[in-house]
């Protein structure tokens, strides 16, 4: 686990919550000069809405926007 800046996020990066739970970056939804919005998914979550693909075939996960200068725990 390393400390990375949000500007270093790419598809496949894993980001950690405070408790160590890992989220996969499935898609970069939007980038501006100062922010990045990503779709985070986890197929290990007990919440269906967090899964990469929903049972009906639609994309799952949650959207999260970070300032590119934010420091995060992750595996790039």
Protein backbone atom coordinates (compact mmCIF):
# COMPACT_ATOMS: atom_id res chain seq x y z
CA UNK A 1 0.00 0.00 0.00
CA UNK A 2 1.37 3.38 -1.01
CA UNK A 3 0.29 6.97 -0.68
CA UNK A 4 -0.62 8.28 -4.12
CA UNK A 5 -2.17 11.51 -5.35
CA UNK A 6 -5.55 11.39 -7.03
CA UNK A 7 -3.88 12.66 -10.21
CA UNK A 8 -2.10 9.26 -10.42
CA UNK A 9 -5.36 7.27 -10.52
CA UNK A 10 -5.93 5.15 -13.60
CA UNK A 11 -8.26 2.26 -14.48
CA UNK A 12 -7.18 -0.73 -12.40
CA UNK A 13 -5.87 1.32 -9.47
CA UNK A 14 -7.02 0.00 -6.10
CA UNK A 15 -7.96 2.53 -3.41
CA UNK A 16 -8.21 1.65 0.27
CA UNK A 17 -10.74 2.73 2.87
CA UNK A 18 -9.57 3.45 6.41
CA UNK A 19 -10.40 -0.14 7.40
CA UNK A 20 -8.30 -1.57 4.55
CA UNK A 21 -11.21 -2.52 2.26
CA UNK A 22 -10.06 -2.15 -1.36
CA UNK A 23 -12.05 -0.56 -4.17
CA UNK A 24 -11.14 -1.05 -7.85
CA UNK A 25 -11.20 1.92 -10.21
CA UNK A 26 -13.39 0.56 -13.02
CA UNK A 27 -13.70 3.74 -15.08
CA UNK A 28 -12.52 7.33 -15.17
CA UNK A 29 -15.78 9.17 -15.70
CA UNK A 30 -14.57 12.77 -15.95
CA UNK A 31 -11.40 14.81 -15.52
CA UNK A 32 -10.95 18.53 -15.15
CA UNK A 33 -7.68 20.37 -14.53
CA UNK A 34 -8.30 20.13 -10.76
CA UNK A 35 -10.59 17.09 -10.19
CA UNK A 36 -11.07 13.48 -11.25
CA UNK A 37 -14.33 11.52 -11.02
CA UNK A 38 -14.10 7.73 -11.01
CA UNK A 39 -16.40 4.72 -10.77
CA UNK A 40 -15.32 2.55 -7.83
CA UNK A 41 -16.42 -1.08 -7.64
CA UNK A 42 -15.88 -4.11 -5.45
CA UNK A 43 -17.08 -7.58 -6.32
CA UNK A 44 -16.29 -8.61 -2.73
CA UNK A 45 -18.85 -6.23 -1.22
CA UNK A 46 -22.05 -7.60 0.29
CA UNK A 47 -23.90 -4.62 -1.23
CA UNK A 48 -25.04 -5.40 -4.79
CA UNK A 49 -24.85 -1.75 -5.84
CA UNK A 50 -21.05 -1.89 -5.28
CA UNK A 51 -20.54 -4.81 -7.70
CA UNK A 52 -18.89 -4.10 -11.06
CA UNK A 53 -21.90 -5.42 -12.97
CA UNK A 54 -25.43 -5.55 -11.58
CA UNK A 55 -27.57 -8.71 -11.93
CA UNK A 56 -29.49 -7.02 -14.77
CA UNK A 57 -26.24 -6.31 -16.68
CA UNK A 58 -26.01 -2.57 -15.98
CA UNK A 59 -22.78 -1.06 -14.63
CA UNK A 60 -22.51 -0.91 -10.86
CA UNK A 61 -20.27 0.79 -8.38
CA UNK A 62 -20.25 4.26 -6.90
CA UNK A 63 -19.04 7.56 -8.32
CA UNK A 64 -16.47 9.50 -6.33
CA UNK A 65 -14.83 12.83 -7.15
CA UNK A 66 -11.37 13.68 -5.80
CA UNK A 67 -9.26 16.81 -6.01
CA UNK A 68 -6.18 15.80 -7.99
CA UNK A 69 -3.98 17.01 -5.14
CA UNK A 70 -5.67 14.67 -2.62
CA UNK A 71 -3.40 12.05 -1.07
CA UNK A 72 -4.90 8.57 -0.93
CA UNK A 73 -3.87 5.08 0.12
CA UNK A 74 -3.76 2.91 -2.94
CA UNK A 75 -2.04 0.47 -5.23
CA UNK A 76 -1.39 2.06 -8.62
